[in-house]
């Protein structure tokens, strides 16, 4: 198995299956489409506010144009006199602005109330912790301990069911935002905030930290993958299992030893000696579509590029760039390819 010819069929198969149901990505797509009941009222609120802003802009532009083309009557250069009727427009403008702003405030408060709680009690709770610059997702609360686990940067939810998100931050203020599923909620150090999300149909919904949090704020993305109940349960069962590593393969064994020597202090791979808590859990790395919090797609070449050039791809991240020989790179790839 060489560096350029590593195959990662399980990961690519999962990525292809997910891509078949992926939502179209386009600039401001969330402004035109909502995919869940927690996002739809906010979508309509955005449309109404945008229409009001456009209308106000047009009115102000019209008044400015009228003022520029209007011809005043001739007057003596040294004469000082009040122009009749001017104060009336001040009163009218103040009254209209006050009424419009009060109506907008009322509508915003009504919208906030409408999305504060789901229509039914969420049976699934996911604790999401924001780090500089990635997301940890803890699935817990299931009576079967094997279905409670930790993953990173990829959140799976069942379709048509509300899901409670408990938000925490490990360092600075972040904001959890999946615009097609819900509004923004802050993740604040020392505090647990809550929101809920729900997807109407299967799909991949991109999320993003929307609170500036440092140098790699723009590269702090995640994905919410909505699946039907059977697919979600199968995914959760699979994620709860420990890593299964074929020890008979010499390259895999060498790669595992290398990982435990250089990476285990930060990363966890359940079922092995790697128990680090400062970086993403990699037990089922191969099942994810993206790596580095959305910075790269999950392919063997991208994964090695990330390992060797993390500080070039994501400067100031806590992940160091790790120098590897060709043999070490091949062994590490062989080992990581088993984590699916």
C-alpha atoms as a PDB file:
ATOM      1  CA  UNK A   1       0.000   0.000   0.000  1.00  0.00           C
ATOM      2  CA  UNK A   2       1.740   3.165  -1.176  1.00  0.00           C
ATOM      3  CA  UNK A   3       1.116   6.764  -0.352  1.00  0.00           C
ATOM      4  CA  UNK A   4      -0.426   7.594  -3.701  1.00  0.00           C
ATOM      5  CA  UNK A   5      -2.511   4.471  -4.085  1.00  0.00           C
ATOM      6  CA  UNK A   6      -4.227   4.151  -0.715  1.00  0.00           C
ATOM      7  CA  UNK A   7      -7.861   3.221  -1.131  1.00  0.00           C
ATOM      8  CA  UNK A   8     -10.539   4.103   1.360  1.00  0.00           C
ATOM      9  CA  UNK A   9     -13.598   2.387   0.031  1.00  0.00           C
ATOM     10  CA  UNK A  10     -15.763   2.548   3.179  1.00  0.00           C
ATOM     11  CA  UNK A  11     -15.332   6.304   3.514  1.00  0.00           C
ATOM     12  CA  UNK A  12     -15.907   6.938  -0.172  1.00  0.00           C
ATOM     13  CA  UNK A  13     -19.001   4.736  -0.181  1.00  0.00           C
ATOM     14  CA  UNK A  14     -20.460   6.654   2.744  1.00  0.00           C
ATOM     15  CA  UNK A  15     -19.563   9.964   1.119  1.00  0.00           C
ATOM     16  CA  UNK A  16     -21.229   8.932  -2.135  1.00  0.00           C
ATOM     17  CA  UNK A  17     -24.375   7.821  -0.331  1.00  0.00           C
ATOM     18  CA  UNK A  18     -24.533  11.089   1.555  1.00  0.00           C
ATOM     19  CA  UNK A  19     -23.833  13.161  -1.547  1.00  0.00           C
ATOM     20  CA  UNK A  20     -26.846  11.602  -3.268  1.00  0.00           C
ATOM     21  CA  UNK A  21     -29.073  13.256  -0.683  1.00  0.00           C
ATOM     22  CA  UNK A  22     -27.055  16.452  -0.243  1.00  0.00           C
ATOM     23  CA  UNK A  23     -28.843  19.748  -0.474  1.00  0.00           C
ATOM     24  CA  UNK A  24     -27.726  22.176  -3.177  1.00  0.00           C
ATOM     25  CA  UNK A  25     -25.131  24.627  -1.926  1.00  0.00           C
ATOM     26  CA  UNK A  26     -25.445  28.179  -3.193  1.00  0.00           C
ATOM     27  CA  UNK A  27     -24.731  31.642  -1.807  1.00  0.00           C
ATOM     28  CA  UNK A  28     -27.485  32.692   0.601  1.00  0.00           C
ATOM     29  CA  UNK A  29     -29.313  29.401  -0.035  1.00  0.00           C
ATOM     30  CA  UNK A  30     -30.612  29.566   3.542  1.00  0.00           C
ATOM     31  CA  UNK A  31     -32.364  32.845   2.676  1.00  0.00           C
ATOM     32  CA  UNK A  32     -34.537  31.037   0.128  1.00  0.00           C
ATOM     33  CA  UNK A  33     -35.068  27.632   1.718  1.00  0.00           C
ATOM     34  CA  UNK A  34     -35.840  26.293   5.177  1.00  0.00           C
ATOM     35  CA  UNK A  35     -35.706  22.581   5.942  1.00  0.00           C
ATOM     36  CA  UNK A  36     -37.281  22.413   9.384  1.00  0.00           C
ATOM     37  CA  UNK A  37     -39.913  23.972  11.640  1.00  0.00           C
ATOM     38  CA  UNK A  38     -37.330  25.786  13.772  1.00  0.00           C
ATOM     39  CA  UNK A  39     -36.011  27.652  10.710  1.00  0.00           C
ATOM     40  CA  UNK A  40     -39.182  28.421   8.757  1.00  0.00           C
ATOM     41  CA  UNK A  41     -40.540  31.270  10.938  1.00  0.00           C
ATOM     42  CA  UNK A  42     -37.084  32.860  10.919  1.00  0.00           C
ATOM     43  CA  UNK A  43     -36.992  32.553   7.128  1.00  0.00           C
ATOM     44  CA  UNK A  44     -40.250  34.477   6.824  1.00  0.00           C
ATOM     45  CA  UNK A  45     -39.004  37.061   9.312  1.00  0.00           C
ATOM     46  CA  UNK A  46     -35.939  37.607   7.146  1.00  0.00           C
ATOM     47  CA  UNK A  47     -38.101  38.101   4.056  1.00  0.00           C
ATOM     48  CA  UNK A  48     -40.312  40.669   5.788  1.00  0.00           C
ATOM     49  CA  UNK A  49     -37.375  42.617   7.235  1.00  0.00           C
ATOM     50  CA  UNK A  50     -35.601  42.587   3.877  1.00  0.00           C
ATOM     51  CA  UNK A  51     -38.721  43.927   2.135  1.00  0.00           C
ATOM     52  CA  UNK A  52     -39.022  46.719   4.716  1.00  0.00           C
ATOM     53  CA  UNK A  53     -35.357  47.659   4.342  1.00  0.00           C
ATOM     54  CA  UNK A  54     -35.659  47.766   0.544  1.00  0.00           C
ATOM     55  CA  UNK A  55     -38.819  49.895   0.790  1.00  0.00           C
ATOM     56  CA  UNK A  56     -37.177  52.347   3.204  1.00  0.00           C
ATOM     57  CA  UNK A  57     -34.128  52.576   0.944  1.00  0.00           C
ATOM     58  CA  UNK A  58     -36.309  53.355  -2.052  1.00  0.00           C
ATOM     59  CA  UNK A  59     -38.285  55.998  -0.137  1.00  0.00           C
ATOM     60  CA  UNK A  60     -35.118  57.721   1.133  1.00  0.00           C
ATOM     61  CA  UNK A  61     -33.559  57.575  -2.342  1.00  0.00           C
ATOM     62  CA  UNK A  62     -36.738  59.084  -3.830  1.00  0.00           C
ATOM     63  CA  UNK A  63     -36.777  61.921  -1.293  1.00  0.00           C
ATOM     64  CA  UNK A  64     -33.106  62.676  -1.941  1.00  0.00           C
ATOM     65  CA  UNK A  65     -33.659  62.761  -5.695  1.00  0.00           C
ATOM     66  CA  UNK A  66     -36.696  65.025  -5.185  1.00  0.00           C
ATOM     67  CA  UNK A  67     -34.668  67.367  -3.000  1.00  0.00           C
ATOM     68  CA  UNK A  68     -31.912  67.588  -5.623  1.00  0.00           C
ATOM     69  CA  UNK A  69     -34.218  68.377  -8.541  1.00  0.00           C
ATOM     70  CA  UNK A  70     -36.564  70.680  -6.669  1.00  0.00           C
ATOM     71  CA  UNK A  71     -36.175  74.372  -7.529  1.00  0.00           C
ATOM     72  CA  UNK A  72     -36.544  76.792  -4.685  1.00  0.00           C
ATOM     73  CA  UNK A  73     -38.000  80.265  -5.280  1.00  0.00           C
ATOM     74  CA  UNK A  74     -35.462  83.032  -5.683  1.00  0.00           C
ATOM     75  CA  UNK A  75     -34.493  84.739  -2.448  1.00  0.00           C
ATOM     76  CA  UNK A  76     -32.229  87.541  -1.340  1.00  0.00           C
ATOM     77  CA  UNK A  77     -28.743  86.242  -0.525  1.00  0.00           C
ATOM     78  CA  UNK A  78     -28.729  87.911   2.889  1.00  0.00           C
ATOM     79  CA  UNK A  79     -32.286  86.947   3.838  1.00  0.00           C
ATOM     80  CA  UNK A  80     -32.888  84.478   6.682  1.00  0.00           C
ATOM     81  CA  UNK A  81     -36.339  82.928   6.827  1.00  0.00           C
ATOM     82  CA  UNK A  82     -37.907  79.617   7.822  1.00  0.00           C
ATOM     83  CA  UNK A  83     -39.247  77.436   5.035  1.00  0.00           C
ATOM     84  CA  UNK A  84     -42.939  76.707   5.690  1.00  0.00           C
ATOM     85  CA  UNK A  85     -44.026  73.097   6.148  1.00  0.00           C
ATOM     86  CA  UNK A  86     -40.588  71.629   6.937  1.00  0.00           C
ATOM     87  CA  UNK A  87     -41.326  70.628  10.516  1.00  0.00           C
ATOM     88  CA  UNK A  88     -44.426  68.757   9.384  1.00  0.00           C
ATOM     89  CA  UNK A  89     -42.270  66.262   7.471  1.00  0.00           C
ATOM     90  CA  UNK A  90     -40.163  65.701  10.580  1.00  0.00           C
ATOM     91  CA  UNK A  91     -43.289  64.791  12.563  1.00  0.00           C
ATOM     92  CA  UNK A  92     -44.568  62.515   9.793  1.00  0.00           C
ATOM     93  CA  UNK A  93     -41.229  60.749   9.409  1.00  0.00           C
ATOM     94  CA  UNK A  94     -40.868  60.241  13.160  1.00  0.00           C
ATOM     95  CA  UNK A  95     -44.381  58.860  13.508  1.00  0.00           C
ATOM     96  CA  UNK A  96     -44.093  56.470  10.554  1.00  0.00           C
ATOM     97  CA  UNK A  97     -40.638  55.231  11.653  1.00  0.00           C
ATOM     98  CA  UNK A  98     -41.845  54.617  15.214  1.00  0.00           C
ATOM     99  CA  UNK A  99     -44.851  52.607  14.053  1.00  0.00           C
ATOM    100  CA  UNK A 100     -42.786  50.521  11.612  1.00  0.00           C
ATOM    101  CA  UNK A 101     -40.032  49.831  14.162  1.00  0.00           C
ATOM    102  CA  UNK A 102     -42.578  48.859  16.818  1.00  0.00           C
ATOM    103  CA  UNK A 103     -44.255  46.484  14.356  1.00  0.00           C
ATOM    104  CA  UNK A 104     -40.891  44.924  13.459  1.00  0.00           C
ATOM    105  CA  UNK A 105     -40.012  44.455  17.120  1.00  0.00           C
ATOM    106  CA  UNK A 106     -43.379  42.832  17.824  1.00  0.00           C
ATOM    107  CA  UNK A 107     -43.043  40.481  14.864  1.00  0.00           C
ATOM    108  CA  UNK A 108     -39.483  39.521  15.927  1.00  0.00           C
ATOM    109  CA  UNK A 109     -40.618  38.727  19.487  1.00  0.00           C
ATOM    110  CA  UNK A 110     -43.514  36.630  18.168  1.00  0.00           C
ATOM    111  CA  UNK A 111     -41.092  34.735  15.927  1.00  0.00           C
ATOM    112  CA  UNK A 112     -38.686  34.099  18.804  1.00  0.00           C
ATOM    113  CA  UNK A 113     -41.531  32.724  20.889  1.00  0.00           C
ATOM    114  CA  UNK A 114     -42.722  30.474  18.065  1.00  0.00           C
ATOM    115  CA  UNK A 115     -39.312  28.758  17.741  1.00  0.00           C
ATOM    116  CA  UNK A 116     -38.448  28.669  21.444  1.00  0.00           C
ATOM    117  CA  UNK A 117     -39.760  25.133  21.961  1.00  0.00           C
ATOM    118  CA  UNK A 118     -40.550  22.201  19.646  1.00  0.00           C
ATOM    119  CA  UNK A 119     -44.059  20.873  19.190  1.00  0.00           C
ATOM    120  CA  UNK A 120     -43.126  17.583  20.886  1.00  0.00           C
ATOM    121  CA  UNK A 121     -40.585  16.604  23.521  1.00  0.00           C
ATOM    122  CA  UNK A 122     -37.135  15.784  22.054  1.00  0.00           C
ATOM    123  CA  UNK A 123     -36.142  12.190  22.741  1.00  0.00           C
ATOM    124  CA  UNK A 124     -32.580  12.747  21.541  1.00  0.00           C
ATOM    125  CA  UNK A 125     -30.179  15.168  23.226  1.00  0.00           C
ATOM    126  CA  UNK A 126     -26.742  15.933  21.788  1.00  0.00           C
ATOM    127  CA  UNK A 127     -24.170  17.913  23.727  1.00  0.00           C
ATOM    128  CA  UNK A 128     -22.076  20.000  21.351  1.00  0.00           C
ATOM    129  CA  UNK A 129     -18.890  21.593  22.667  1.00  0.00           C
ATOM    130  CA  UNK A 130     -17.125  24.245  20.599  1.00  0.00           C
ATOM    131  CA  UNK A 131     -13.331  24.346  20.489  1.00  0.00           C
ATOM    132  CA  UNK A 132     -10.838  26.496  18.597  1.00  0.00           C
ATOM    133  CA  UNK A 133     -11.612  25.432  15.858  1.00  0.00           C
ATOM    134  CA  UNK A 134     -13.754  22.279  15.737  1.00  0.00           C
ATOM    135  CA  UNK A 135     -16.926  20.785  17.242  1.00  0.00           C
ATOM    136  CA  UNK A 136     -17.262  17.870  19.639  1.00  0.00           C
ATOM    137  CA  UNK A 137     -20.599  16.011  19.669  1.00  0.00           C
ATOM    138  CA  UNK A 138     -21.532  13.749  22.585  1.00  0.00           C
ATOM    139  CA  UNK A 139     -24.422  11.318  22.176  1.00  0.00           C
ATOM    140  CA  UNK A 140     -25.648  10.199  25.585  1.00  0.00           C
ATOM    141  CA  UNK A 141     -28.772   9.231  27.489  1.00  0.00           C
ATOM    142  CA  UNK A 142     -29.426   5.929  25.723  1.00  0.00           C
ATOM    143  CA  UNK A 143     -30.134   2.991  28.092  1.00  0.00           C
ATOM    144  CA  UNK A 144     -27.679   0.939  26.042  1.00  0.00           C
ATOM    145  CA  UNK A 145     -24.178   2.216  26.939  1.00  0.00           C
ATOM    146  CA  UNK A 146     -22.876   1.022  23.580  1.00  0.00           C
ATOM    147  CA  UNK A 147     -24.972   3.707  21.868  1.00  0.00           C
ATOM    148  CA  UNK A 148     -23.394   6.537  23.871  1.00  0.00           C
ATOM    149  CA  UNK A 149     -20.227   7.897  22.267  1.00  0.00           C
ATOM    150  CA  UNK A 150     -18.325  10.968  21.111  1.00  0.00           C
ATOM    151  CA  UNK A 151     -17.755  12.117  17.555  1.00  0.00           C
ATOM    152  CA  UNK A 152     -16.648  15.339  15.889  1.00  0.00           C
ATOM    153  CA  UNK A 153     -17.763  17.876  13.266  1.00  0.00           C
ATOM    154  CA  UNK A 154     -20.562  15.644  11.976  1.00  0.00           C
ATOM    155  CA  UNK A 155     -23.938  15.471  13.710  1.00  0.00           C
ATOM    156  CA  UNK A 156     -26.461  12.830  12.653  1.00  0.00           C
ATOM    157  CA  UNK A 157     -30.148  13.253  13.507  1.00  0.00           C
ATOM    158  CA  UNK A 158     -33.330  11.325  12.673  1.00  0.00           C
ATOM    159  CA  UNK A 159     -35.697  12.925  10.175  1.00  0.00           C
ATOM    160  CA  UNK A 160     -38.955  14.419  11.445  1.00  0.00           C
ATOM    161  CA  UNK A 161     -37.990  14.437  15.127  1.00  0.00           C
ATOM    162  CA  UNK A 162     -36.931  17.422  17.252  1.00  0.00           C
ATOM    163  CA  UNK A 163     -33.432  17.123  18.670  1.00  0.00           C
ATOM    164  CA  UNK A 164     -32.210  19.099  21.660  1.00  0.00           C
ATOM    165  CA  UNK A 165     -28.761  20.615  21.318  1.00  0.00           C
ATOM    166  CA  UNK A 166     -26.920  21.498  24.527  1.00  0.00           C
ATOM    167  CA  UNK A 167     -24.196  23.996  23.692  1.00  0.00           C
ATOM    168  CA  UNK A 168     -20.933  24.516  25.554  1.00  0.00           C
ATOM    169  CA  UNK A 169     -17.620  26.165  24.805  1.00  0.00           C
ATOM    170  CA  UNK A 170     -14.180  24.978  25.862  1.00  0.00           C
ATOM    171  CA  UNK A 171     -12.392  28.269  25.233  1.00  0.00           C
ATOM    172  CA  UNK A 172     -13.993  31.441  23.800  1.00  0.00           C
ATOM    173  CA  UNK A 173     -17.455  32.506  22.633  1.00  0.00           C
ATOM    174  CA  UNK A 174     -18.647  30.643  19.540  1.00  0.00           C
ATOM    175  CA  UNK A 175     -22.047  30.453  17.827  1.00  0.00           C
ATOM    176  CA  UNK A 176     -23.769  27.287  16.603  1.00  0.00           C
ATOM    177  CA  UNK A 177     -25.683  27.963  13.393  1.00  0.00           C
ATOM    178  CA  UNK A 178     -27.349  25.567  10.952  1.00  0.00           C
ATOM    179  CA  UNK A 179     -29.310  28.168   8.961  1.00  0.00           C
ATOM    180  CA  UNK A 180     -31.615  25.759   7.136  1.00  0.00           C
ATOM    181  CA  UNK A 181     -32.607  24.073  10.405  1.00  0.00           C
ATOM    182  CA  UNK A 182     -32.534  26.767  13.111  1.00  0.00           C
ATOM    183  CA  UNK A 183     -31.259  30.175  14.136  1.00  0.00           C
ATOM    184  CA  UNK A 184     -28.012  31.003  15.910  1.00  0.00           C
ATOM    185  CA  UNK A 185     -27.262  30.153  19.524  1.00  0.00           C
ATOM    186  CA  UNK A 186     -24.163  31.267  21.395  1.00  0.00           C
ATOM    187  CA  UNK A 187     -21.743  28.780  22.969  1.00  0.00           C
ATOM    188  CA  UNK A 188     -20.311  30.575  26.008  1.00  0.00           C
ATOM    189  CA  UNK A 189     -17.552  29.311  28.339  1.00  0.00           C
ATOM    190  CA  UNK A 190     -18.913  28.231  31.719  1.00  0.00           C
ATOM    191  CA  UNK A 191     -22.529  28.229  30.514  1.00  0.00           C
ATOM    192  CA  UNK A 192     -24.805  25.684  28.857  1.00  0.00           C
ATOM    193  CA  UNK A 193     -27.233  27.057  26.280  1.00  0.00           C
ATOM    194  CA  UNK A 194     -29.932  25.068  24.516  1.00  0.00           C
ATOM    195  CA  UNK A 195     -31.662  25.048  21.171  1.00  0.00           C
ATOM    196  CA  UNK A 196     -33.478  22.478  19.056  1.00  0.00           C
ATOM    197  CA  UNK A 197     -33.243  21.442  15.435  1.00  0.00           C
ATOM    198  CA  UNK A 198     -35.457  19.303  13.246  1.00  0.00           C
ATOM    199  CA  UNK A 199     -35.152  18.274   9.603  1.00  0.00           C
ATOM    200  CA  UNK A 200     -38.201  17.703   7.413  1.00  0.00           C
ATOM    201  CA  UNK A 201     -36.352  15.333   5.099  1.00  0.00           C
ATOM    202  CA  UNK A 202     -33.061  13.485   4.613  1.00  0.00           C
ATOM    203  CA  UNK A 203     -30.143  15.649   3.621  1.00  0.00           C
ATOM    204  CA  UNK A 204     -26.861  17.268   4.550  1.00  0.00           C
ATOM    205  CA  UNK A 205     -27.150  20.677   6.161  1.00  0.00           C
ATOM    206  CA  UNK A 206     -24.031  22.764   6.599  1.00  0.00           C
ATOM    207  CA  UNK A 207     -23.422  24.512   9.883  1.00  0.00           C
ATOM    208  CA  UNK A 208     -20.937  27.203  10.764  1.00  0.00           C
ATOM    209  CA  UNK A 209     -19.597  29.111  13.734  1.00  0.00           C
ATOM    210  CA  UNK A 210     -21.057  32.585  13.217  1.00  0.00           C
ATOM    211  CA  UNK A 211     -19.339  34.355  16.125  1.00  0.00           C
ATOM    212  CA  UNK A 212     -15.817  35.553  15.327  1.00  0.00           C
ATOM    213  CA  UNK A 213     -13.569  33.359  17.477  1.00  0.00           C
ATOM    214  CA  UNK A 214     -10.055  33.804  16.153  1.00  0.00           C
ATOM    215  CA  UNK A 215      -7.778  33.194  13.206  1.00  0.00           C
ATOM    216  CA  UNK A 216      -9.568  30.092  11.866  1.00  0.00           C
ATOM    217  CA  UNK A 217     -13.138  31.188  12.534  1.00  0.00           C
ATOM    218  CA  UNK A 218     -13.967  30.776   8.827  1.00  0.00           C
ATOM    219  CA  UNK A 219     -12.720  27.164   8.958  1.00  0.00           C
ATOM    220  CA  UNK A 220     -14.940  26.081  11.832  1.00  0.00           C
ATOM    221  CA  UNK A 221     -17.753  24.339  10.013  1.00  0.00           C
ATOM    222  CA  UNK A 222     -19.728  21.170  10.641  1.00  0.00           C
ATOM    223  CA  UNK A 223     -22.461  19.132   8.987  1.00  0.00           C
ATOM    224  CA  UNK A 224     -25.828  17.961  10.227  1.00  0.00           C
ATOM    225  CA  UNK A 225     -26.844  14.790   8.403  1.00  0.00           C
ATOM    226  CA  UNK A 226     -30.537  13.937   8.640  1.00  0.00           C
ATOM    227  CA  UNK A 227     -31.433  10.277   8.081  1.00  0.00           C
ATOM    228  CA  UNK A 228     -34.543   8.145   8.260  1.00  0.00           C
ATOM    229  CA  UNK A 229     -35.004   6.262  11.529  1.00  0.00           C
ATOM    230  CA  UNK A 230     -33.517   2.983  10.290  1.00  0.00           C
ATOM    231  CA  UNK A 231     -30.421   4.604   8.818  1.00  0.00           C
ATOM    232  CA  UNK A 232     -29.901   6.756  11.909  1.00  0.00           C
ATOM    233  CA  UNK A 233     -30.163   3.787  14.270  1.00  0.00           C
ATOM    234  CA  UNK A 234     -27.744   1.798  12.134  1.00  0.00           C
ATOM    235  CA  UNK A 235     -25.297   4.718  12.176  1.00  0.00           C
ATOM    236  CA  UNK A 236     -25.585   5.098  15.958  1.00  0.00           C
ATOM    237  CA  UNK A 237     -25.058   1.374  16.519  1.00  0.00           C
ATOM    238  CA  UNK A 238     -21.955   1.446  14.319  1.00  0.00           C
ATOM    239  CA  UNK A 239     -20.539   4.581  15.948  1.00  0.00           C
ATOM    240  CA  UNK A 240     -20.869   3.078  19.397  1.00  0.00           C
ATOM    241  CA  UNK A 241     -18.536   0.192  18.594  1.00  0.00           C
ATOM    242  CA  UNK A 242     -14.833   0.329  19.409  1.00  0.00           C
ATOM    243  CA  UNK A 243     -12.309   0.366  16.591  1.00  0.00           C
ATOM    244  CA  UNK A 244     -11.632  -2.987  14.958  1.00  0.00           C
ATOM    245  CA  UNK A 245      -8.030  -3.143  13.761  1.00  0.00           C
ATOM    246  CA  UNK A 246      -6.678  -6.126  11.757  1.00  0.00           C
ATOM    247  CA  UNK A 247      -3.480  -6.897  13.673  1.00  0.00           C
ATOM    248  CA  UNK A 248      -2.228  -9.408  11.108  1.00  0.00           C
ATOM    249  CA  UNK A 249      -1.349  -6.644   8.642  1.00  0.00           C
ATOM    250  CA  UNK A 250       2.214  -5.455   9.279  1.00  0.00           C
ATOM    251  CA  UNK A 251       1.617  -2.015   7.724  1.00  0.00           C
ATOM    252  CA  UNK A 252      -1.508  -1.492   9.833  1.00  0.00           C
ATOM    253  CA  UNK A 253       0.319  -2.531  12.997  1.00  0.00           C
ATOM    254  CA  UNK A 254       3.161  -0.153  12.205  1.00  0.00           C
ATOM    255  CA  UNK A 255       0.691   2.635  11.567  1.00  0.00           C
ATOM    256  CA  UNK A 256      -1.108   1.978  14.836  1.00  0.00           C
ATOM    257  CA  UNK A 257       2.177   2.084  16.738  1.00  0.00           C
ATOM    258  CA  UNK A 258       3.084   5.355  15.026  1.00  0.00           C
ATOM    259  CA  UNK A 259      -0.317   6.846  15.852  1.00  0.00           C
ATOM    260  CA  UNK A 260      -0.117   5.835  19.503  1.00  0.00           C
ATOM    261  CA  UNK A 261       3.390   7.255  19.704  1.00  0.00           C
ATOM    262  CA  UNK A 262       2.694  10.644  18.124  1.00  0.00           C
ATOM    263  CA  UNK A 263      -1.045  11.283  18.203  1.00  0.00           C
ATOM    264  CA  UNK A 264      -2.555   9.484  21.190  1.00  0.00           C
ATOM    265  CA  UNK A 265      -1.876  12.346  23.571  1.00  0.00           C
ATOM    266  CA  UNK A 266      -4.580  14.412  21.858  1.00  0.00           C
ATOM    267  CA  UNK A 267      -6.843  11.979  19.966  1.00  0.00           C
ATOM    268  CA  UNK A 268      -8.995   9.084  21.131  1.00  0.00           C
ATOM    269  CA  UNK A 269      -9.550   5.836  19.249  1.00  0.00           C
ATOM    270  CA  UNK A 270     -11.818   3.698  21.397  1.00  0.00           C
ATOM    271  CA  UNK A 271     -10.529   0.170  21.968  1.00  0.00           C
ATOM    272  CA  UNK A 272      -6.877   1.241  21.686  1.00  0.00           C
ATOM    273  CA  UNK A 273      -4.278   2.968  23.839  1.00  0.00           C
ATOM    274  CA  UNK A 274      -5.158   6.335  22.287  1.00  0.00           C
ATOM    275  CA  UNK A 275      -7.213   8.186  24.898  1.00  0.00           C
ATOM    276  CA  UNK A 276      -6.447  11.884  24.319  1.00  0.00           C
ATOM    277  CA  UNK A 277      -9.220  14.384  25.008  1.00  0.00           C
ATOM    278  CA  UNK A 278      -7.900  17.585  23.416  1.00  0.00           C
ATOM    279  CA  UNK A 279      -8.731  16.798  19.801  1.00  0.00           C
ATOM    280  CA  UNK A 280     -11.454  15.024  17.782  1.00  0.00           C
ATOM    281  CA  UNK A 281     -12.323  11.390  18.524  1.00  0.00           C
ATOM    282  CA  UNK A 282     -11.122   9.410  15.487  1.00  0.00           C
ATOM    283  CA  UNK A 283     -12.647   6.013  16.265  1.00  0.00           C
ATOM    284  CA  UNK A 284     -14.751   6.093  13.100  1.00  0.00           C
ATOM    285  CA  UNK A 285     -12.831   8.692  11.115  1.00  0.00           C
ATOM    286  CA  UNK A 286     -13.379   6.929   7.801  1.00  0.00           C
ATOM    287  CA  UNK A 287     -17.179   7.287   8.023  1.00  0.00           C
ATOM    288  CA  UNK A 288     -17.033  11.099   7.920  1.00  0.00           C
ATOM    289  CA  UNK A 289     -17.365  13.228   4.804  1.00  0.00           C
ATOM    290  CA  UNK A 290     -15.088  16.055   5.931  1.00  0.00           C
ATOM    291  CA  UNK A 291     -11.992  16.552   8.074  1.00  0.00           C
ATOM    292  CA  UNK A 292     -10.455  19.563   9.845  1.00  0.00           C
ATOM    293  CA  UNK A 293     -13.913  20.983  10.671  1.00  0.00           C
ATOM    294  CA  UNK A 294     -14.974  21.212   7.047  1.00  0.00           C
ATOM    295  CA  UNK A 295     -11.686  22.521   5.664  1.00  0.00           C
ATOM    296  CA  UNK A 296     -11.034  19.398   3.546  1.00  0.00           C
ATOM    297  CA  UNK A 297     -13.012  16.492   2.135  1.00  0.00           C
ATOM    298  CA  UNK A 298     -12.178  13.143   3.730  1.00  0.00           C
ATOM    299  CA  UNK A 299      -9.903  11.425   1.233  1.00  0.00           C
ATOM    300  CA  UNK A 300      -6.587   9.616   1.876  1.00  0.00           C
ATOM    301  CA  UNK A 301      -4.589  12.337   0.133  1.00  0.00           C
ATOM    302  CA  UNK A 302      -6.322  15.146   2.014  1.00  0.00           C
ATOM    303  CA  UNK A 303      -5.888  13.322   5.307  1.00  0.00           C
ATOM    304  CA  UNK A 304      -2.142  12.939   4.821  1.00  0.00           C
ATOM    305  CA  UNK A 305      -1.906  16.535   3.641  1.00  0.00           C
ATOM    306  CA  UNK A 306      -3.674  17.629   6.828  1.00  0.00           C
ATOM    307  CA  UNK A 307      -1.395  15.536   9.046  1.00  0.00           C
ATOM    308  CA  UNK A 308       1.784  16.815   7.424  1.00  0.00           C
ATOM    309  CA  UNK A 309       0.763  20.430   6.732  1.00  0.00           C
ATOM    310  CA  UNK A 310      -1.888  21.303   9.328  1.00  0.00           C
ATOM    311  CA  UNK A 311      -0.287  24.655  10.106  1.00  0.00           C
ATOM    312  CA  UNK A 312      -0.260  25.590   6.425  1.00  0.00           C
ATOM    313  CA  UNK A 313      -3.880  24.589   5.911  1.00  0.00           C
ATOM    314  CA  UNK A 314      -5.161  25.967   9.219  1.00  0.00           C
ATOM    315  CA  UNK A 315      -2.604  28.339  10.804  1.00  0.00           C
ATOM    316  CA  UNK A 316      -2.760  28.709  14.604  1.00  0.00           C
ATOM    317  CA  UNK A 317      -4.797  25.532  15.055  1.00  0.00           C
ATOM    318  CA  UNK A 318      -3.617  23.277  17.886  1.00  0.00           C
ATOM    319  CA  UNK A 319      -2.952  20.475  15.399  1.00  0.00           C
ATOM    320  CA  UNK A 320       0.811  20.535  14.640  1.00  0.00           C
ATOM    321  CA  UNK A 321       2.303  19.713  11.266  1.00  0.00           C
ATOM    322  CA  UNK A 322       3.885  16.257  11.588  1.00  0.00           C
ATOM    323  CA  UNK A 323       6.857  15.280   9.427  1.00  0.00           C
ATOM    324  CA  UNK A 324       6.533  11.759   7.992  1.00  0.00           C
ATOM    325  CA  UNK A 325       8.765   9.647   5.837  1.00  0.00           C
ATOM    326  CA  UNK A 326       7.227   7.883   2.834  1.00  0.00           C
ATOM    327  CA  UNK A 327       7.158   4.601   4.771  1.00  0.00           C
ATOM    328  CA  UNK A 328       5.579   6.225   7.828  1.00  0.00           C
ATOM    329  CA  UNK A 329       2.957   7.948   5.680  1.00  0.00           C
ATOM    330  CA  UNK A 330       2.006   4.650   4.023  1.00  0.00           C
ATOM    331  CA  UNK A 331       1.775   2.862   7.386  1.00  0.00           C
ATOM    332  CA  UNK A 332      -0.276   5.612   8.988  1.00  0.00           C
ATOM    333  CA  UNK A 333      -2.628   5.677   5.994  1.00  0.00           C
ATOM    334  CA  UNK A 334      -3.082   1.918   6.209  1.00  0.00           C
ATOM    335  CA  UNK A 335      -4.022   2.196   9.867  1.00  0.00           C
ATOM    336  CA  UNK A 336      -6.366   5.171   9.491  1.00  0.00           C
ATOM    337  CA  UNK A 337      -8.098   3.396   6.604  1.00  0.00           C
ATOM    338  CA  UNK A 338      -9.334   0.776   9.101  1.00  0.00           C
ATOM    339  CA  UNK A 339     -11.199   3.383  11.177  1.00  0.00           C
ATOM    340  CA  UNK A 340     -14.613   3.234   9.539  1.00  0.00           C
END
